[in-house]
PDB file of N, CA and C in Angstrom:
ATOM      1  N   MET A   1     -16.474-111.353 113.573  1.00  0.00           N
ATOM      2  CA  MET A   1     -16.062-109.881 113.528  1.00  0.00           C
ATOM      3  C   MET A   1     -17.404-109.441 112.143  1.00  0.00           C
ATOM      4  N   GLY A   2     -17.795-110.266 111.081  1.00  0.00           N
ATOM      5  CA  GLY A   2     -18.673-109.687 110.585  1.00  0.00           C
ATOM      6  C   GLY A   2     -19.634-109.127 110.782  1.00  0.00           C
ATOM      7  N   LYS A   3     -20.326-109.663 112.085  1.00  0.00           N
ATOM      8  CA  LYS A   3     -21.627-109.273 112.509  1.00  0.00           C
ATOM      9  C   LYS A   3     -21.621-107.559 112.839  1.00  0.00           C
ATOM     10  N   PHE A   4     -20.496-107.248 113.347  1.00  0.00           N
ATOM     11  CA  PHE A   4     -20.099-105.937 113.947  1.00  0.00           C
ATOM     12  C   PHE A   4     -19.661-104.700 112.508  1.00  0.00           C
ATOM     13  N   LYS A   5     -19.474-105.310 111.467  1.00  0.00           N
ATOM     14  CA  LYS A   5     -19.531-104.633 110.321  1.00  0.00           C
ATOM     15  C   LYS A   5     -20.923-104.063 110.049  1.00  0.00           C
ATOM     16  N   ILE A   6     -20.619-102.409 109.345  1.00  0.00           N
ATOM     17  CA  ILE A   6     -21.584-101.960 108.959  1.00  0.00           C
ATOM     18  C   ILE A   6     -21.399-100.832 108.142  1.00  0.00           C
ATOM     19  N   THR A   7     -22.245-100.618 107.278  1.00  0.00           N
ATOM     20  CA  THR A   7     -21.993 -99.382 106.217  1.00  0.00           C
ATOM     21  C   THR A   7     -21.879 -97.904 106.945  1.00  0.00           C
ATOM     22  N   CYS A   8     -21.306 -97.409 106.207  1.00  0.00           N
ATOM     23  CA  CYS A   8     -20.923 -95.410 106.866  1.00  0.00           C
ATOM     24  C   CYS A   8     -22.722 -95.057 106.678  1.00  0.00           C
ATOM     25  N   ASP A   9     -23.579 -95.977 105.431  1.00  0.00           N
ATOM     26  CA  ASP A   9     -25.146 -95.321 106.156  1.00  0.00           C
ATOM     27  C   ASP A   9     -25.531 -95.408 107.444  1.00  0.00           C
ATOM     28  N   GLU A  10     -25.196 -97.112 107.593  1.00  0.00           N
ATOM     29  CA  GLU A  10     -26.045 -97.317 109.252  1.00  0.00           C
ATOM     30  C   GLU A  10     -25.375 -96.435 109.826  1.00  0.00           C
ATOM     31  N   ALA A  11     -24.057 -96.722 109.748  1.00  0.00           N
ATOM     32  CA  ALA A  11     -22.726 -95.840 111.197  1.00  0.00           C
ATOM     33  C   ALA A  11     -23.728 -94.233 111.320  1.00  0.00           C
ATOM     34  N   THR A  12     -23.718 -93.284 110.669  1.00  0.00           N
ATOM     35  CA  THR A  12     -25.004 -92.652 110.733  1.00  0.00           C
ATOM     36  C   THR A  12     -25.995 -92.794 111.050  1.00  0.00           C
ATOM     37  N   THR A  13     -26.736 -92.962 110.631  1.00  0.00           N
ATOM     38  CA  THR A  13     -28.331 -93.404 111.417  1.00  0.00           C
ATOM     39  C   THR A  13     -28.025 -93.896 112.911  1.00  0.00           C
ATOM     40  N   ILE A  14     -26.690 -94.969 113.270  1.00  0.00           N
ATOM     41  CA  ILE A  14     -26.943 -94.942 114.566  1.00  0.00           C
ATOM     42  C   ILE A  14     -26.129 -94.060 115.257  1.00  0.00           C
ATOM     43  N   CYS A  15     -25.394 -92.991 114.593  1.00  0.00           N
ATOM     44  CA  CYS A  15     -25.350 -91.861 115.275  1.00  0.00           C
ATOM     45  C   CYS A  15     -25.565 -90.749 115.925  1.00  0.00           C
ATOM     46  N   ASP A  16     -26.895 -91.259 115.008  1.00  0.00           N
ATOM     47  CA  ASP A  16     -28.287 -89.801 115.326  1.00  0.00           C
ATOM     48  C   ASP A  16     -28.870 -90.557 116.247  1.00  0.00           C
ATOM     49  N   LYS A  17     -29.313 -92.016 116.180  1.00  0.00           N
ATOM     50  CA  LYS A  17     -29.811 -92.960 117.157  1.00  0.00           C
ATOM     51  C   LYS A  17     -29.303 -92.688 118.442  1.00  0.00           C
ATOM     52  N   ASN A  18     -28.304 -93.101 118.332  1.00  0.00           N
ATOM     53  CA  ASN A  18     -27.388 -92.514 119.758  1.00  0.00           C
ATOM     54  C   ASN A  18     -27.797 -91.338 120.884  1.00  0.00           C
ATOM     55  N   GLN A  19     -27.763 -90.123 119.566  1.00  0.00           N
ATOM     56  CA  GLN A  19     -27.790 -88.915 120.178  1.00  0.00           C
ATOM     57  C   GLN A  19     -29.008 -88.811 120.725  1.00  0.00           C
ATOM     58  N   TYR A  20     -29.645 -89.362 120.148  1.00  0.00           N
ATOM     59  CA  TYR A  20     -31.327 -89.040 121.341  1.00  0.00           C
ATOM     60  C   TYR A  20     -31.670 -90.261 122.338  1.00  0.00           C
ATOM     61  N   GLY A  21     -30.532 -90.926 122.503  1.00  0.00           N
ATOM     62  CA  GLY A  21     -30.217 -91.766 123.266  1.00  0.00           C
ATOM     63  C   GLY A  21     -31.450 -93.358 123.292  1.00  0.00           C
ATOM     64  N   GLU A  22     -31.699 -93.244 121.395  1.00  0.00           N
ATOM     65  CA  GLU A  22     -32.446 -94.228 121.062  1.00  0.00           C
ATOM     66  C   GLU A  22     -31.656 -95.696 120.431  1.00  0.00           C
ATOM     67  N   ALA A  23     -29.996 -95.544 120.499  1.00  0.00           N
ATOM     68  CA  ALA A  23     -29.777 -96.858 120.418  1.00  0.00           C
ATOM     69  C   ALA A  23     -29.341 -97.519 120.962  1.00  0.00           C
ATOM     70  N   ARG A  24     -29.550 -99.304 120.664  1.00  0.00           N
ATOM     71  CA  ARG A  24     -29.480-100.125 121.697  1.00  0.00           C
ATOM     72  C   ARG A  24     -27.915-100.401 121.597  1.00  0.00           C
ATOM     73  N   PHE A  25     -27.640-100.946 122.914  1.00  0.00           N
ATOM     74  CA  PHE A  25     -25.773-101.660 123.051  1.00  0.00           C
ATOM     75  C   PHE A  25     -25.455-101.898 121.732  1.00  0.00           C
ATOM     76  N   GLY A  26     -26.029-103.063 121.550  1.00  0.00           N
ATOM     77  CA  GLY A  26     -25.666-103.912 120.153  1.00  0.00           C
ATOM     78  C   GLY A  26     -25.164-102.736 118.972  1.00  0.00           C
ATOM     79  N   GLU A  27     -26.083-101.413 119.128  1.00  0.00           N
ATOM     80  CA  GLU A  27     -25.763-100.696 118.096  1.00  0.00           C
ATOM     81  C   GLU A  27     -24.444 -99.647 118.343  1.00  0.00           C
ATOM     82  N   LYS A  28     -24.511 -99.344 119.515  1.00  0.00           N
ATOM     83  CA  LYS A  28     -23.680 -98.673 120.015  1.00  0.00           C
ATOM     84  C   LYS A  28     -22.052 -99.527 120.042  1.00  0.00           C
ATOM     85  N   LEU A  29     -22.467-100.953 119.894  1.00  0.00           N
ATOM     86  CA  LEU A  29     -21.084-101.354 120.005  1.00  0.00           C
ATOM     87  C   LEU A  29     -20.198-101.409 118.493  1.00  0.00           C
ATOM     88  N   LYS A  30     -21.522-101.839 117.173  1.00  0.00           N
ATOM     89  CA  LYS A  30     -21.058-101.938 116.050  1.00  0.00           C
ATOM     90  C   LYS A  30     -20.737-100.733 116.022  1.00  0.00           C
ATOM     91  N   LEU A  31     -21.123 -99.157 116.397  1.00  0.00           N
ATOM     92  CA  LEU A  31     -20.780 -97.970 115.737  1.00  0.00           C
ATOM     93  C   LEU A  31     -19.179 -97.938 116.326  1.00  0.00           C
ATOM     94  N   MET A  32     -19.171 -98.132 117.729  1.00  0.00           N
ATOM     95  CA  MET A  32     -17.627 -98.344 117.775  1.00  0.00           C
ATOM     96  C   MET A  32     -16.599 -98.467 117.030  1.00  0.00           C
ATOM     97  N   MET A  33     -16.751-100.052 116.916  1.00  0.00           N
ATOM     98  CA  MET A  33     -16.162-100.910 116.059  1.00  0.00           C
ATOM     99  C   MET A  33     -16.294 -99.673 114.196  1.00  0.00           C
ATOM    100  N   HIS A  34     -16.948 -99.548 113.827  1.00  0.00           N
ATOM    101  CA  HIS A  34     -16.821 -99.001 112.687  1.00  0.00           C
ATOM    102  C   HIS A  34     -15.769 -97.691 112.817  1.00  0.00           C
ATOM    103  N   PHE A  35     -16.026 -97.053 114.013  1.00  0.00           N
ATOM    104  CA  PHE A  35     -15.295 -96.011 114.102  1.00  0.00           C
ATOM    105  C   PHE A  35     -13.167 -96.293 114.168  1.00  0.00           C
ATOM    106  N   TYR A  36     -13.363 -97.554 114.065  1.00  0.00           N
ATOM    107  CA  TYR A  36     -11.566 -98.053 114.528  1.00  0.00           C
ATOM    108  C   TYR A  36     -11.645 -97.671 113.338  1.00  0.00           C
ATOM    109  N   GLY A  37     -12.199 -98.512 111.909  1.00  0.00           N
ATOM    110  CA  GLY A  37     -11.393 -98.190 110.757  1.00  0.00           C
ATOM    111  C   GLY A  37     -12.181 -96.927 109.888  1.00  0.00           C
ATOM    112  N   CYS A  38     -13.270 -96.161 109.927  1.00  0.00           N
ATOM    113  CA  CYS A  38     -13.686 -95.133 109.347  1.00  0.00           C
ATOM    114  C   CYS A  38     -13.639 -93.725 109.928  1.00  0.00           C
ATOM    115  N   LYS A  39     -12.299 -93.448 109.977  1.00  0.00           N
ATOM    116  CA  LYS A  39     -12.102 -91.278 110.985  1.00  0.00           C
ATOM    117  C   LYS A  39     -13.624 -90.996 110.110  1.00  0.00           C
ATOM    118  N   ILE A  40     -13.872 -90.663 108.627  1.00  0.00           N
ATOM    119  CA  ILE A  40     -14.740 -89.985 108.269  1.00  0.00           C
ATOM    120  C   ILE A  40     -16.193 -89.752 109.049  1.00  0.00           C
ATOM    121  N   CYS A  41     -16.584 -91.217 109.612  1.00  0.00           N
ATOM    122  CA  CYS A  41     -17.814 -91.378 110.253  1.00  0.00           C
ATOM    123  C   CYS A  41     -17.280 -90.804 111.950  1.00  0.00           C
ATOM    124  N   LYS A  42     -15.860 -91.008 112.688  1.00  0.00           N
ATOM    125  CA  LYS A  42     -15.964 -90.528 113.458  1.00  0.00           C
ATOM    126  C   LYS A  42     -15.570 -89.077 113.945  1.00  0.00           C
ATOM    127  N   CYS A  43     -15.558 -88.605 112.488  1.00  0.00           N
ATOM    128  CA  CYS A  43     -15.577 -86.778 112.866  1.00  0.00           C
ATOM    129  C   CYS A  43     -17.120 -86.398 112.564  1.00  0.00           C
ATOM    130  N   TYR A  44     -17.941 -87.279 111.781  1.00  0.00           N
ATOM    131  CA  TYR A  44     -19.217 -86.791 111.828  1.00  0.00           C
ATOM    132  C   TYR A  44     -20.092 -86.796 112.972  1.00  0.00           C
ATOM    133  N   SER A  45     -19.793 -88.031 113.737  1.00  0.00           N
ATOM    134  CA  SER A  45     -20.339 -88.240 115.435  1.00  0.00           C
ATOM    135  C   SER A  45     -19.849 -87.072 115.900  1.00  0.00           C
ATOM    136  N   ASP A  46     -18.344 -87.042 116.145  1.00  0.00           N
ATOM    137  CA  ASP A  46     -18.177 -85.437 116.483  1.00  0.00           C
ATOM    138  C   ASP A  46     -18.442 -84.279 116.496  1.00  0.00           C
ATOM    139  N   GLN A  47     -18.570 -83.874 115.060  1.00  0.00           N
ATOM    140  CA  GLN A  47     -19.386 -82.541 114.896  1.00  0.00           C
ATOM    141  C   GLN A  47     -20.837 -83.118 115.187  1.00  0.00           C
ATOM    142  N   ASN A  48     -21.519 -83.834 115.199  1.00  0.00           N
ATOM    143  CA  ASN A  48     -22.803 -83.981 115.345  1.00  0.00           C
ATOM    144  C   ASN A  48     -23.018 -83.753 117.106  1.00  0.00           C
ATOM    145  N   ASN A  49     -22.050 -84.154 117.796  1.00  0.00           N
ATOM    146  CA  ASN A  49     -22.329 -83.771 119.665  1.00  0.00           C
ATOM    147  C   ASN A  49     -22.024 -82.710 120.246  1.00  0.00           C
ATOM    148  N   ARG A  50     -21.294 -81.899 118.888  1.00  0.00           N
ATOM    149  CA  ARG A  50     -20.465 -80.705 119.110  1.00  0.00           C
ATOM    150  C   ARG A  50     -21.871 -79.167 118.716  1.00  0.00           C
ATOM    151  N   MET A  51     -22.348 -79.836 117.944  1.00  0.00           N
ATOM    152  CA  MET A  51     -23.240 -79.365 117.079  1.00  0.00           C
ATOM    153  C   MET A  51     -24.709 -79.669 118.666  1.00  0.00           C
ATOM    154  N   THR A  52     -24.941 -80.594 119.066  1.00  0.00           N
ATOM    155  CA  THR A  52     -26.072 -80.717 120.040  1.00  0.00           C
ATOM    156  C   THR A  52     -25.922 -79.713 121.484  1.00  0.00           C
ATOM    157  N   LYS A  53     -24.392 -79.552 121.812  1.00  0.00           N
ATOM    158  CA  LYS A  53     -24.214 -79.184 122.723  1.00  0.00           C
ATOM    159  C   LYS A  53     -23.896 -77.578 122.449  1.00  0.00           C
ATOM    160  N   ILE A  54     -24.173 -77.478 121.531  1.00  0.00           N
ATOM    161  CA  ILE A  54     -23.928 -75.457 121.401  1.00  0.00           C
ATOM    162  C   ILE A  54     -25.252 -75.447 121.141  1.00  0.00           C
ATOM    163  N   TYR A  55     -26.448 -76.631 120.849  1.00  0.00           N
ATOM    164  CA  TYR A  55     -27.655 -76.083 120.580  1.00  0.00           C
ATOM    165  C   TYR A  55     -28.431 -76.219 121.940  1.00  0.00           C
ATOM    166  N   ASN A  56     -28.193 -77.013 122.704  1.00  0.00           N
ATOM    167  CA  ASN A  56     -28.891 -77.252 124.327  1.00  0.00           C
ATOM    168  C   ASN A  56     -28.158 -75.790 125.092  1.00  0.00           C
ATOM    169  N   VAL A  57     -26.643 -75.347 125.010  1.00  0.00           N
ATOM    170  CA  VAL A  57     -26.642 -73.919 125.494  1.00  0.00           C
ATOM    171  C   VAL A  57     -27.310 -73.235 124.909  1.00  0.00           C
ATOM    172  N   TYR A  58     -27.278 -72.995 123.487  1.00  0.00           N
ATOM    173  CA  TYR A  58     -28.508 -71.832 123.505  1.00  0.00           C
ATOM    174  C   TYR A  58     -29.880 -72.538 123.872  1.00  0.00           C
ATOM    175  N   SER A  59     -30.369 -73.750 123.554  1.00  0.00           N
ATOM    176  CA  SER A  59     -31.848 -73.473 123.778  1.00  0.00           C
ATOM    177  C   SER A  59     -32.097 -73.361 125.237  1.00  0.00           C
ATOM    178  N   LYS A  60     -30.685 -73.747 126.544  1.00  0.00           N
ATOM    179  CA  LYS A  60     -31.788 -73.244 127.894  1.00  0.00           C
ATOM    180  C   LYS A  60     -32.097 -71.988 128.059  1.00  0.00           C
ATOM    181  N   ASP A  61     -31.400 -70.991 127.126  1.00  0.00           N
ATOM    182  CA  ASP A  61     -31.830 -69.127 127.454  1.00  0.00           C
ATOM    183  C   ASP A  61     -32.851 -69.271 126.626  1.00  0.00           C
ATOM    184  N   LYS A  62     -33.843 -69.826 126.026  1.00  0.00           N
ATOM    185  CA  LYS A  62     -34.963 -69.863 125.315  1.00  0.00           C
ATOM    186  C   LYS A  62     -35.596 -70.806 125.857  1.00  0.00           C
ATOM    187  N   CYS A  63     -35.779 -71.687 126.773  1.00  0.00           N
ATOM    188  CA  CYS A  63     -36.254 -72.804 126.783  1.00  0.00           C
ATOM    189  C   CYS A  63     -38.238 -72.834 127.226  1.00  0.00           C
ATOM    190  N   ASN A  64     -38.679 -71.558 127.789  1.00  0.00           N
ATOM    191  CA  ASN A  64     -39.841 -71.085 128.086  1.00  0.00           C
ATOM    192  C   ASN A  64     -40.334 -70.118 126.605  1.00  0.00           C
ATOM    193  N   GLN A  65     -39.741 -70.222 125.357  1.00  0.00           N
ATOM    194  CA  GLN A  65     -39.844 -69.404 124.649  1.00  0.00           C
ATOM    195  C   GLN A  65     -40.371 -70.630 123.257  1.00  0.00           C
ATOM    196  N   HIS A  66     -41.649 -70.606 122.770  1.00  0.00           N
ATOM    197  CA  HIS A  66     -42.281 -71.245 121.692  1.00  0.00           C
ATOM    198  C   HIS A  66     -41.829 -70.576 120.594  1.00  0.00           C
ATOM    199  N   THR A  67     -40.707 -70.162 119.948  1.00  0.00           N
ATOM    200  CA  THR A  67     -40.715 -69.744 119.016  1.00  0.00           C
ATOM    201  C   THR A  67     -39.361 -70.452 117.995  1.00  0.00           C
ATOM    202  N   CYS A  68     -39.659 -69.372 116.657  1.00  0.00           N
ATOM    203  CA  CYS A  68     -38.127 -69.732 115.307  1.00  0.00           C
ATOM    204  C   CYS A  68     -37.568 -69.165 116.072  1.00  0.00           C
ATOM    205  N   LEU A  69     -36.186 -69.476 115.547  1.00  0.00           N
ATOM    206  CA  LEU A  69     -34.967 -68.927 115.868  1.00  0.00           C
ATOM    207  C   LEU A  69     -35.099 -67.832 114.578  1.00  0.00           C
ATOM    208  N   THR A  70     -34.525 -66.785 115.271  1.00  0.00           N
ATOM    209  CA  THR A  70     -34.505 -65.682 114.431  1.00  0.00           C
ATOM    210  C   THR A  70     -33.338 -65.169 113.364  1.00  0.00           C
ATOM    211  N   SER A  71     -32.633 -64.719 112.819  1.00  0.00           N
ATOM    212  CA  SER A  71     -31.707 -64.894 111.452  1.00  0.00           C
ATOM    213  C   SER A  71     -30.252 -64.301 112.746  1.00  0.00           C
ATOM    214  N   GLU A  72     -30.848 -63.309 113.472  1.00  0.00           N
ATOM    215  CA  GLU A  72     -30.221 -63.049 114.486  1.00  0.00           C
ATOM    216  C   GLU A  72     -28.923 -64.452 115.237  1.00  0.00           C
ATOM    217  N   ASP A  73     -30.416 -65.247 115.601  1.00  0.00           N
ATOM    218  CA  ASP A  73     -29.960 -66.512 116.710  1.00  0.00           C
ATOM    219  C   ASP A  73     -29.395 -67.627 115.493  1.00  0.00           C
ATOM    220  N   LYS A  74     -29.689 -67.568 114.309  1.00  0.00           N
ATOM    221  CA  LYS A  74     -29.318 -68.674 113.333  1.00  0.00           C
ATOM    222  C   LYS A  74     -27.422 -68.559 112.916  1.00  0.00           C
ATOM    223  N   GLU A  75     -27.289 -66.212 112.742  1.00  0.00           N
ATOM    224  CA  GLU A  75     -25.879 -65.945 113.002  1.00  0.00           C
ATOM    225  C   GLU A  75     -25.132 -66.698 114.143  1.00  0.00           C
ATOM    226  N   LYS A  76     -25.900 -66.158 114.809  1.00  0.00           N
ATOM    227  CA  LYS A  76     -24.651 -66.450 116.558  1.00  0.00           C
ATOM    228  C   LYS A  76     -24.695 -68.079 116.378  1.00  0.00           C
ATOM    229  N   ILE A  77     -24.935 -69.215 116.371  1.00  0.00           N
ATOM    230  CA  ILE A  77     -25.396 -70.548 115.996  1.00  0.00           C
ATOM    231  C   ILE A  77     -24.201 -71.035 114.938  1.00  0.00           C
ATOM    232  N   GLU A  78     -24.528 -70.289 113.816  1.00  0.00           N
ATOM    233  CA  GLU A  78     -22.874 -70.574 113.062  1.00  0.00           C
ATOM    234  C   GLU A  78     -21.971 -69.843 112.817  1.00  0.00           C
ATOM    235  N   VAL A  79     -21.966 -68.927 114.268  1.00  0.00           N
ATOM    236  CA  VAL A  79     -20.427 -68.387 114.742  1.00  0.00           C
ATOM    237  C   VAL A  79     -19.868 -69.156 115.290  1.00  0.00           C
ATOM    238  N   ALA A  80     -20.805 -69.701 116.414  1.00  0.00           N
ATOM    239  CA  ALA A  80     -20.530 -70.589 117.335  1.00  0.00           C
ATOM    240  C   ALA A  80     -19.989 -72.140 116.868  1.00  0.00           C
ATOM    241  N   VAL A  81     -20.624 -72.411 115.512  1.00  0.00           N
ATOM    242  CA  VAL A  81     -20.086 -73.772 115.276  1.00  0.00           C
ATOM    243  C   VAL A  81     -18.532 -73.776 114.502  1.00  0.00           C
ATOM    244  N   LYS A  82     -18.410 -72.288 113.869  1.00  0.00           N
ATOM    245  CA  LYS A  82     -17.330 -72.350 112.915  1.00  0.00           C
ATOM    246  C   LYS A  82     -15.696 -71.759 114.091  1.00  0.00           C
ATOM    247  N   GLU A  83     -16.295 -71.752 115.285  1.00  0.00           N
ATOM    248  CA  GLU A  83     -15.006 -71.274 116.074  1.00  0.00           C
ATOM    249  C   GLU A  83     -14.860 -72.592 116.801  1.00  0.00           C
ATOM    250  N   LYS A  84     -15.986 -73.556 117.015  1.00  0.00           N
ATOM    251  CA  LYS A  84     -15.420 -74.813 117.413  1.00  0.00           C
ATOM    252  C   LYS A  84     -14.703 -75.882 116.290  1.00  0.00           C
ATOM    253  N   MET A  85     -15.241 -75.366 115.283  1.00  0.00           N
ATOM    254  CA  MET A  85     -14.442 -76.205 114.279  1.00  0.00           C
ATOM    255  C   MET A  85     -12.794 -75.959 113.861  1.00  0.00           C
ATOM    256  N   GLN A  86     -12.243 -74.418 114.423  1.00  0.00           N
ATOM    257  CA  GLN A  86     -11.301 -74.201 114.317  1.00  0.00           C
ATOM    258  C   GLN A  86      -9.926 -74.800 115.405  1.00  0.00           C
TER     259      GLN A  86
END
């Protein structure tokens, strides 16, 4: 069981890698084991996934444009995130 024990810092790093499809199977397994004992990291992972989904939905509308987000765009994303958090 000691081989599967990781710190919260390691868990968040693996979570970020997993989001981009870069986490290996062993890392994913360690992350799942960590989630059983750490609800804070599980919450981080859930929030991270929500943010990615929101961004992906929004970015599909803008996929052919290579511009930075406007203040209006940032506000729309912020409102969407706050709605999802409630």
